[in-house]
Amino acid sequence: MGLTGAAQAALHDRDVGLIYDDLLDIAWLQDLNYAQTSGYDADGLMTRDNAVTWAGGLSYYDSVRAATCDDWRLPTSLNLEKAVDRY
């Protein structure tokens, strides 16, 4: 008899515009339209290629931890499938 257990994950508000996922060990920008908010794009609507370029050059300062987050990337369908499988 096989037993399966559900993974217990939590999202943590880092209070600096970041949400941390402790199961996937990744951070998300809390502002879903940060490209517009940051002034990078006038309306926040970009092609995938432009969004990849933007994410690749994004540098976000976490003032609570005095650290700069600069290894951003966009999710892929494979990343999303793994996330769904883990939850």
PDB file of N, CA and C in Angstrom:
ATOM      1  N   MET A   1       0.845  -1.171   0.000  1.00  0.00           N
ATOM      2  CA  MET A   1       0.000   0.000   0.000  1.00  0.00           C
ATOM      3  C   MET A   1       0.893   1.238   0.000  1.00  0.00           C
ATOM      4  N   GLY A   2       0.675   2.097  -0.936  1.00  0.00           N
ATOM      5  CA  GLY A   2       1.470   3.324  -1.017  1.00  0.00           C
ATOM      6  C   GLY A   2       0.754   4.468  -0.334  1.00  0.00           C
ATOM      7  N   LEU A   3       1.508   5.257   0.341  1.00  0.00           N
ATOM      8  CA  LEU A   3       0.953   6.439   0.981  1.00  0.00           C
ATOM      9  C   LEU A   3       1.520   7.673   0.321  1.00  0.00           C
ATOM     10  N   THR A   4       0.685   8.641   0.118  1.00  0.00           N
ATOM     11  CA  THR A   4       1.160   9.908  -0.429  1.00  0.00           C
ATOM     12  C   THR A   4       0.797  11.008   0.543  1.00  0.00           C
ATOM     13  N   GLY A   5       1.629  11.991   0.588  1.00  0.00           N
ATOM     14  CA  GLY A   5       1.367  13.123   1.466  1.00  0.00           C
ATOM     15  C   GLY A   5       1.369  14.401   0.665  1.00  0.00           C
ATOM     16  N   ALA A   6       0.615  15.345   1.119  1.00  0.00           N
ATOM     17  CA  ALA A   6       0.574  16.635   0.456  1.00  0.00           C
ATOM     18  C   ALA A   6       1.709  17.506   0.987  1.00  0.00           C
ATOM     19  N   ALA A   7       2.350  18.190   0.098  1.00  0.00           N
ATOM     20  CA  ALA A   7       3.408  19.116   0.507  1.00  0.00           C
ATOM     21  C   ALA A   7       2.776  20.320   1.173  1.00  0.00           C
ATOM     22  N   GLN A   8       3.392  20.788   2.199  1.00  0.00           N
ATOM     23  CA  GLN A   8       2.912  21.972   2.904  1.00  0.00           C
ATOM     24  C   GLN A   8       3.767  23.163   2.499  1.00  0.00           C
ATOM     25  N   ALA A   9       3.163  24.086   1.839  1.00  0.00           N
ATOM     26  CA  ALA A   9       3.895  25.261   1.372  1.00  0.00           C
ATOM     27  C   ALA A   9       3.264  26.511   1.963  1.00  0.00           C
ATOM     28  N   ALA A  10       4.053  27.530   2.014  1.00  0.00           N
ATOM     29  CA  ALA A  10       3.536  28.804   2.496  1.00  0.00           C
ATOM     30  C   ALA A  10       4.132  29.925   1.664  1.00  0.00           C
ATOM     31  N   LEU A  11       3.346  30.962   1.499  1.00  0.00           N
ATOM     32  CA  LEU A  11       3.816  32.177   0.855  1.00  0.00           C
ATOM     33  C   LEU A  11       4.037  33.206   1.955  1.00  0.00           C
ATOM     34  N   HIS A  12       5.196  33.846   1.924  1.00  0.00           N
ATOM     35  CA  HIS A  12       5.559  34.801   2.957  1.00  0.00           C
ATOM     36  C   HIS A  12       5.711  36.188   2.341  1.00  0.00           C
ATOM     37  N   ASP A  13       4.982  37.146   2.891  1.00  0.00           N
ATOM     38  CA  ASP A  13       5.111  38.536   2.454  1.00  0.00           C
ATOM     39  C   ASP A  13       6.381  39.098   3.078  1.00  0.00           C
ATOM     40  N   ARG A  14       7.338  39.461   2.233  1.00  0.00           N
ATOM     41  CA  ARG A  14       8.617  39.970   2.728  1.00  0.00           C
ATOM     42  C   ARG A  14       8.576  41.456   3.071  1.00  0.00           C
ATOM     43  N   ASP A  15       7.417  42.089   2.938  1.00  0.00           N
ATOM     44  CA  ASP A  15       7.214  43.495   3.303  1.00  0.00           C
ATOM     45  C   ASP A  15       8.034  44.490   2.499  1.00  0.00           C
ATOM     46  N   VAL A  16       8.603  44.077   1.403  1.00  0.00           N
ATOM     47  CA  VAL A  16       9.355  45.002   0.546  1.00  0.00           C
ATOM     48  C   VAL A  16       8.955  44.832  -0.917  1.00  0.00           C
ATOM     49  N   GLY A  17       7.744  44.311  -1.140  1.00  0.00           N
ATOM     50  CA  GLY A  17       7.286  44.104  -2.506  1.00  0.00           C
ATOM     51  C   GLY A  17       7.613  42.734  -3.050  1.00  0.00           C
ATOM     52  N   LEU A  18       8.055  41.826  -2.185  1.00  0.00           N
ATOM     53  CA  LEU A  18       8.380  40.467  -2.608  1.00  0.00           C
ATOM     54  C   LEU A  18       7.527  39.468  -1.833  1.00  0.00           C
ATOM     55  N   ILE A  19       7.139  38.416  -2.508  1.00  0.00           N
ATOM     56  CA  ILE A  19       6.446  37.289  -1.889  1.00  0.00           C
ATOM     57  C   ILE A  19       7.358  36.077  -2.060  1.00  0.00           C
ATOM     58  N   TYR A  20       7.661  35.400  -0.956  1.00  0.00           N
ATOM     59  CA  TYR A  20       8.560  34.242  -0.994  1.00  0.00           C
ATOM     60  C   TYR A  20       7.766  32.953  -0.877  1.00  0.00           C
ATOM     61  N   ASP A  21       8.038  32.021  -1.773  1.00  0.00           N
ATOM     62  CA  ASP A  21       7.428  30.696  -1.789  1.00  0.00           C
ATOM     63  C   ASP A  21       8.440  29.727  -1.181  1.00  0.00           C
ATOM     64  N   ASP A  22       8.140  29.212   0.023  1.00  0.00           N
ATOM     65  CA  ASP A  22       9.128  28.383   0.712  1.00  0.00           C
ATOM     66  C   ASP A  22       9.217  26.954   0.179  1.00  0.00           C
ATOM     67  N   LEU A  23       8.250  26.508  -0.600  1.00  0.00           N
ATOM     68  CA  LEU A  23       8.339  25.180  -1.190  1.00  0.00           C
ATOM     69  C   LEU A  23       9.184  25.204  -2.460  1.00  0.00           C
ATOM     70  N   LEU A  24       8.944  26.186  -3.304  1.00  0.00           N
ATOM     71  CA  LEU A  24       9.695  26.294  -4.552  1.00  0.00           C
ATOM     72  C   LEU A  24      11.007  27.050  -4.377  1.00  0.00           C
ATOM     73  N   ASP A  25      11.177  27.708  -3.221  1.00  0.00           N
ATOM     74  CA  ASP A  25      12.366  28.498  -2.905  1.00  0.00           C
ATOM     75  C   ASP A  25      12.602  29.588  -3.952  1.00  0.00           C
ATOM     76  N   ILE A  26      11.527  30.330  -4.224  1.00  0.00           N
ATOM     77  CA  ILE A  26      11.601  31.434  -5.181  1.00  0.00           C
ATOM     78  C   ILE A  26      10.854  32.629  -4.619  1.00  0.00           C
ATOM     79  N   ALA A  27      11.174  33.783  -5.136  1.00  0.00           N
ATOM     80  CA  ALA A  27      10.472  35.010  -4.770  1.00  0.00           C
ATOM     81  C   ALA A  27       9.726  35.525  -5.988  1.00  0.00           C
ATOM     82  N   TRP A  28       8.589  36.105  -5.736  1.00  0.00           N
ATOM     83  CA  TRP A  28       7.758  36.717  -6.769  1.00  0.00           C
ATOM     84  C   TRP A  28       7.662  38.204  -6.463  1.00  0.00           C
ATOM     85  N   LEU A  29       7.576  39.021  -7.507  1.00  0.00           N
ATOM     86  CA  LEU A  29       7.288  40.437  -7.301  1.00  0.00           C
ATOM     87  C   LEU A  29       5.826  40.570  -6.910  1.00  0.00           C
ATOM     88  N   GLN A  30       5.556  41.317  -5.874  1.00  0.00           N
ATOM     89  CA  GLN A  30       4.185  41.504  -5.424  1.00  0.00           C
ATOM     90  C   GLN A  30       3.395  42.357  -6.422  1.00  0.00           C
ATOM     91  N   ASP A  31       4.041  43.318  -7.038  1.00  0.00           N
ATOM     92  CA  ASP A  31       3.419  44.191  -8.036  1.00  0.00           C
ATOM     93  C   ASP A  31       3.438  43.456  -9.380  1.00  0.00           C
ATOM     94  N   LEU A  32       2.280  42.964  -9.786  1.00  0.00           N
ATOM     95  CA  LEU A  32       2.205  42.174 -11.017  1.00  0.00           C
ATOM     96  C   LEU A  32       2.447  43.001 -12.273  1.00  0.00           C
ATOM     97  N   ASN A  33       2.451  44.306 -12.152  1.00  0.00           N
ATOM     98  CA  ASN A  33       2.708  45.160 -13.304  1.00  0.00           C
ATOM     99  C   ASN A  33       3.930  46.048 -13.034  1.00  0.00           C
ATOM    100  N   TYR A  34       4.957  45.463 -12.444  1.00  0.00           N
ATOM    101  CA  TYR A  34       6.144  46.215 -12.052  1.00  0.00           C
ATOM    102  C   TYR A  34       6.867  46.830 -13.253  1.00  0.00           C
ATOM    103  N   ALA A  35       6.741  46.253 -14.419  1.00  0.00           N
ATOM    104  CA  ALA A  35       7.369  46.841 -15.610  1.00  0.00           C
ATOM    105  C   ALA A  35       6.827  48.246 -15.844  1.00  0.00           C
ATOM    106  N   GLN A  36       5.538  48.433 -15.637  1.00  0.00           N
ATOM    107  CA  GLN A  36       4.946  49.767 -15.777  1.00  0.00           C
ATOM    108  C   GLN A  36       5.274  50.631 -14.558  1.00  0.00           C
ATOM    109  N   THR A  37       5.087  50.078 -13.367  1.00  0.00           N
ATOM    110  CA  THR A  37       5.337  50.829 -12.133  1.00  0.00           C
ATOM    111  C   THR A  37       6.759  51.362 -12.076  1.00  0.00           C
ATOM    112  N   SER A  38       7.706  50.548 -12.537  1.00  0.00           N
ATOM    113  CA  SER A  38       9.120  50.933 -12.481  1.00  0.00           C
ATOM    114  C   SER A  38       9.495  51.921 -13.579  1.00  0.00           C
ATOM    115  N   GLY A  39       8.585  52.139 -14.536  1.00  0.00           N
ATOM    116  CA  GLY A  39       8.867  53.054 -15.628  1.00  0.00           C
ATOM    117  C   GLY A  39       9.547  52.404 -16.817  1.00  0.00           C
ATOM    118  N   TYR A  40       9.713  51.075 -16.778  1.00  0.00           N
ATOM    119  CA  TYR A  40      10.357  50.392 -17.890  1.00  0.00           C
ATOM    120  C   TYR A  40       9.486  50.403 -19.136  1.00  0.00           C
ATOM    121  N   ASP A  41       8.186  50.240 -18.956  1.00  0.00           N
ATOM    122  CA  ASP A  41       7.273  50.173 -20.088  1.00  0.00           C
ATOM    123  C   ASP A  41       6.038  51.016 -19.767  1.00  0.00           C
ATOM    124  N   ALA A  42       5.599  51.811 -20.720  1.00  0.00           N
ATOM    125  CA  ALA A  42       4.515  52.769 -20.479  1.00  0.00           C
ATOM    126  C   ALA A  42       3.217  52.115 -20.009  1.00  0.00           C
ATOM    127  N   ASP A  43       2.853  50.969 -20.588  1.00  0.00           N
ATOM    128  CA  ASP A  43       1.592  50.336 -20.190  1.00  0.00           C
ATOM    129  C   ASP A  43       1.789  48.941 -19.582  1.00  0.00           C
ATOM    130  N   GLY A  44       3.026  48.482 -19.512  1.00  0.00           N
ATOM    131  CA  GLY A  44       3.303  47.179 -18.916  1.00  0.00           C
ATOM    132  C   GLY A  44       3.033  46.009 -19.834  1.00  0.00           C
ATOM    133  N   LEU A  45       2.556  46.288 -21.032  1.00  0.00           N
ATOM    134  CA  LEU A  45       2.277  45.218 -21.994  1.00  0.00           C
ATOM    135  C   LEU A  45       3.494  45.037 -22.888  1.00  0.00           C
ATOM    136  N   MET A  46       4.067  43.844 -22.859  1.00  0.00           N
ATOM    137  CA  MET A  46       5.284  43.576 -23.634  1.00  0.00           C
ATOM    138  C   MET A  46       5.155  42.251 -24.363  1.00  0.00           C
ATOM    139  N   THR A  47       5.923  42.126 -25.419  1.00  0.00           N
ATOM    140  CA  THR A  47       6.034  40.823 -26.064  1.00  0.00           C
ATOM    141  C   THR A  47       6.822  39.909 -25.131  1.00  0.00           C
ATOM    142  N   ARG A  48       6.768  38.625 -25.356  1.00  0.00           N
ATOM    143  CA  ARG A  48       7.525  37.693 -24.516  1.00  0.00           C
ATOM    144  C   ARG A  48       9.020  38.004 -24.598  1.00  0.00           C
ATOM    145  N   ASP A  49       9.524  38.278 -25.801  1.00  0.00           N
ATOM    146  CA  ASP A  49      10.949  38.587 -25.947  1.00  0.00           C
ATOM    147  C   ASP A  49      11.334  39.823 -25.134  1.00  0.00           C
ATOM    148  N   ASN A  50      10.497  40.869 -25.188  1.00  0.00           N
ATOM    149  CA  ASN A  50      10.780  42.073 -24.406  1.00  0.00           C
ATOM    150  C   ASN A  50      10.710  41.781 -22.908  1.00  0.00           C
ATOM    151  N   ALA A  51       9.748  40.962 -22.493  1.00  0.00           N
ATOM    152  CA  ALA A  51       9.618  40.615 -21.081  1.00  0.00           C
ATOM    153  C   ALA A  51      10.816  39.805 -20.596  1.00  0.00           C
ATOM    154  N   VAL A  52      11.313  38.901 -21.431  1.00  0.00           N
ATOM    155  CA  VAL A  52      12.500  38.112 -21.073  1.00  0.00           C
ATOM    156  C   VAL A  52      13.693  39.047 -20.899  1.00  0.00           C
ATOM    157  N   THR A  53      13.841  39.994 -21.807  1.00  0.00           N
ATOM    158  CA  THR A  53      14.931  40.962 -21.708  1.00  0.00           C
ATOM    159  C   THR A  53      14.791  41.797 -20.440  1.00  0.00           C
ATOM    160  N   TRP A  54      13.582  42.279 -20.168  1.00  0.00           N
ATOM    161  CA  TRP A  54      13.334  43.072 -18.962  1.00  0.00           C
ATOM    162  C   TRP A  54      13.667  42.277 -17.698  1.00  0.00           C
ATOM    163  N   ALA A  55      13.154  41.065 -17.600  1.00  0.00           N
ATOM    164  CA  ALA A  55      13.398  40.238 -16.413  1.00  0.00           C
ATOM    165  C   ALA A  55      14.883  39.930 -16.260  1.00  0.00           C
ATOM    166  N   GLY A  56      15.564  39.682 -17.373  1.00  0.00           N
ATOM    167  CA  GLY A  56      16.990  39.376 -17.325  1.00  0.00           C
ATOM    168  C   GLY A  56      17.834  40.532 -16.818  1.00  0.00           C
ATOM    169  N   GLY A  57      17.354  41.758 -16.996  1.00  0.00           N
ATOM    170  CA  GLY A  57      18.105  42.926 -16.541  1.00  0.00           C
ATOM    171  C   GLY A  57      17.558  43.547 -15.268  1.00  0.00           C
ATOM    172  N   LEU A  58      16.498  42.951 -14.702  1.00  0.00           N
ATOM    173  CA  LEU A  58      15.861  43.525 -13.519  1.00  0.00           C
ATOM    174  C   LEU A  58      16.738  43.381 -12.284  1.00  0.00           C
ATOM    175  N   SER A  59      16.834  44.459 -11.542  1.00  0.00           N
ATOM    176  CA  SER A  59      17.547  44.479 -10.275  1.00  0.00           C
ATOM    177  C   SER A  59      16.606  45.099  -9.245  1.00  0.00           C
ATOM    178  N   TYR A  60      16.263  44.347  -8.205  1.00  0.00           N
ATOM    179  CA  TYR A  60      15.285  44.787  -7.208  1.00  0.00           C
ATOM    180  C   TYR A  60      15.949  44.778  -5.842  1.00  0.00           C
ATOM    181  N   TYR A  61      15.926  45.903  -5.150  1.00  0.00           N
ATOM    182  CA  TYR A  61      16.602  46.021  -3.856  1.00  0.00           C
ATOM    183  C   TYR A  61      15.660  45.650  -2.717  1.00  0.00           C
ATOM    184  N   ASP A  62      16.069  44.693  -1.903  1.00  0.00           N
ATOM    185  CA  ASP A  62      15.341  44.257  -0.715  1.00  0.00           C
ATOM    186  C   ASP A  62      15.939  45.016   0.471  1.00  0.00           C
ATOM    187  N   SER A  63      15.264  46.092   0.888  1.00  0.00           N
ATOM    188  CA  SER A  63      15.810  46.954   1.941  1.00  0.00           C
ATOM    189  C   SER A  63      15.807  46.293   3.314  1.00  0.00           C
ATOM    190  N   VAL A  64      14.949  45.324   3.550  1.00  0.00           N
ATOM    191  CA  VAL A  64      14.919  44.632   4.838  1.00  0.00           C
ATOM    192  C   VAL A  64      16.153  43.750   5.000  1.00  0.00           C
ATOM    193  N   ARG A  65      16.545  43.085   3.944  1.00  0.00           N
ATOM    194  CA  ARG A  65      17.689  42.179   3.991  1.00  0.00           C
ATOM    195  C   ARG A  65      18.965  42.812   3.435  1.00  0.00           C
ATOM    196  N   ALA A  66      18.868  44.062   3.004  1.00  0.00           N
ATOM    197  CA  ALA A  66      20.002  44.785   2.415  1.00  0.00           C
ATOM    198  C   ALA A  66      20.658  43.957   1.316  1.00  0.00           C
ATOM    199  N   ALA A  67      19.812  43.446   0.437  1.00  0.00           N
ATOM    200  CA  ALA A  67      20.306  42.596  -0.655  1.00  0.00           C
ATOM    201  C   ALA A  67      19.615  42.997  -1.954  1.00  0.00           C
ATOM    202  N   THR A  68      20.336  42.878  -3.039  1.00  0.00           N
ATOM    203  CA  THR A  68      19.786  43.138  -4.357  1.00  0.00           C
ATOM    204  C   THR A  68      19.470  41.817  -5.033  1.00  0.00           C
ATOM    205  N   CYS A  69      18.245  41.690  -5.490  1.00  0.00           N
ATOM    206  CA  CYS A  69      17.815  40.492  -6.216  1.00  0.00           C
ATOM    207  C   CYS A  69      17.990  40.791  -7.698  1.00  0.00           C
ATOM    208  N   ASP A  70      18.838  40.041  -8.363  1.00  0.00           N
ATOM    209  CA  ASP A  70      19.094  40.329  -9.775  1.00  0.00           C
ATOM    210  C   ASP A  70      19.147  39.071 -10.638  1.00  0.00           C
ATOM    211  N   ASP A  71      18.576  37.979 -10.167  1.00  0.00           N
ATOM    212  CA  ASP A  71      18.560  36.753 -10.972  1.00  0.00           C
ATOM    213  C   ASP A  71      17.130  36.377 -11.365  1.00  0.00           C
ATOM    214  N   TRP A  72      16.393  37.363 -11.860  1.00  0.00           N
ATOM    215  CA  TRP A  72      14.997  37.172 -12.235  1.00  0.00           C
ATOM    216  C   TRP A  72      14.881  36.460 -13.574  1.00  0.00           C
ATOM    217  N   ARG A  73      13.801  35.724 -13.721  1.00  0.00           N
ATOM    218  CA  ARG A  73      13.464  35.099 -14.992  1.00  0.00           C
ATOM    219  C   ARG A  73      11.952  34.890 -15.030  1.00  0.00           C
ATOM    220  N   LEU A  74      11.434  34.702 -16.214  1.00  0.00           N
ATOM    221  CA  LEU A  74      10.003  34.447 -16.359  1.00  0.00           C
ATOM    222  C   LEU A  74       9.747  32.952 -16.196  1.00  0.00           C
ATOM    223  N   PRO A  75       8.578  32.605 -15.682  1.00  0.00           N
ATOM    224  CA  PRO A  75       8.260  31.179 -15.568  1.00  0.00           C
ATOM    225  C   PRO A  75       8.060  30.569 -16.949  1.00  0.00           C
ATOM    226  N   THR A  76       8.364  29.305 -17.047  1.00  0.00           N
ATOM    227  CA  THR A  76       8.090  28.554 -18.268  1.00  0.00           C
ATOM    228  C   THR A  76       6.979  27.562 -17.958  1.00  0.00           C
ATOM    229  N   SER A  77       6.426  26.953 -18.966  1.00  0.00           N
ATOM    230  CA  SER A  77       5.372  25.968 -18.720  1.00  0.00           C
ATOM    231  C   SER A  77       5.921  24.808 -17.890  1.00  0.00           C
ATOM    232  N   LEU A  78       7.186  24.457 -18.067  1.00  0.00           N
ATOM    233  CA  LEU A  78       7.792  23.391 -17.274  1.00  0.00           C
ATOM    234  C   LEU A  78       7.864  23.798 -15.805  1.00  0.00           C
ATOM    235  N   ASN A  79       8.258  25.055 -15.516  1.00  0.00           N
ATOM    236  CA  ASN A  79       8.281  25.549 -14.133  1.00  0.00           C
ATOM    237  C   ASN A  79       6.890  25.475 -13.512  1.00  0.00           C
ATOM    238  N   LEU A  80       5.892  25.877 -14.273  1.00  0.00           N
ATOM    239  CA  LEU A  80       4.532  25.892 -13.751  1.00  0.00           C
ATOM    240  C   LEU A  80       4.009  24.485 -13.495  1.00  0.00           C
ATOM    241  N   GLU A  81       4.350  23.540 -14.369  1.00  0.00           N
ATOM    242  CA  GLU A  81       3.949  22.151 -14.169  1.00  0.00           C
ATOM    243  C   GLU A  81       4.583  21.602 -12.892  1.00  0.00           C
ATOM    244  N   LYS A  82       5.858  21.893 -12.654  1.00  0.00           N
ATOM    245  CA  LYS A  82       6.530  21.441 -11.440  1.00  0.00           C
ATOM    246  C   LYS A  82       5.887  22.066 -10.210  1.00  0.00           C
ATOM    247  N   ALA A  83       5.513  23.327 -10.302  1.00  0.00           N
ATOM    248  CA  ALA A  83       4.877  23.996  -9.174  1.00  0.00           C
ATOM    249  C   ALA A  83       3.545  23.344  -8.836  1.00  0.00           C
ATOM    250  N   VAL A  84       2.763  23.038  -9.854  1.00  0.00           N
ATOM    251  CA  VAL A  84       1.465  22.407  -9.631  1.00  0.00           C
ATOM    252  C   VAL A  84       1.667  21.018  -9.031  1.00  0.00           C
ATOM    253  N   ASP A  85       2.649  20.269  -9.537  1.00  0.00           N
ATOM    254  CA  ASP A  85       2.921  18.939  -9.019  1.00  0.00           C
ATOM    255  C   ASP A  85       3.335  18.972  -7.555  1.00  0.00           C
ATOM    256  N   ARG A  86       4.063  20.011  -7.149  1.00  0.00           N
ATOM    257  CA  ARG A  86       4.567  20.086  -5.779  1.00  0.00           C
ATOM    258  C   ARG A  86       3.496  20.507  -4.791  1.00  0.00           C
ATOM    259  N   TYR A  87       2.484  21.231  -5.251  1.00  0.00           N
ATOM    260  CA  TYR A  87       1.420  21.665  -4.364  1.00  0.00           C
ATOM    261  C   TYR A  87       0.341  20.609  -4.358  1.00  0.00           C
TER     262      TYR A  87
END
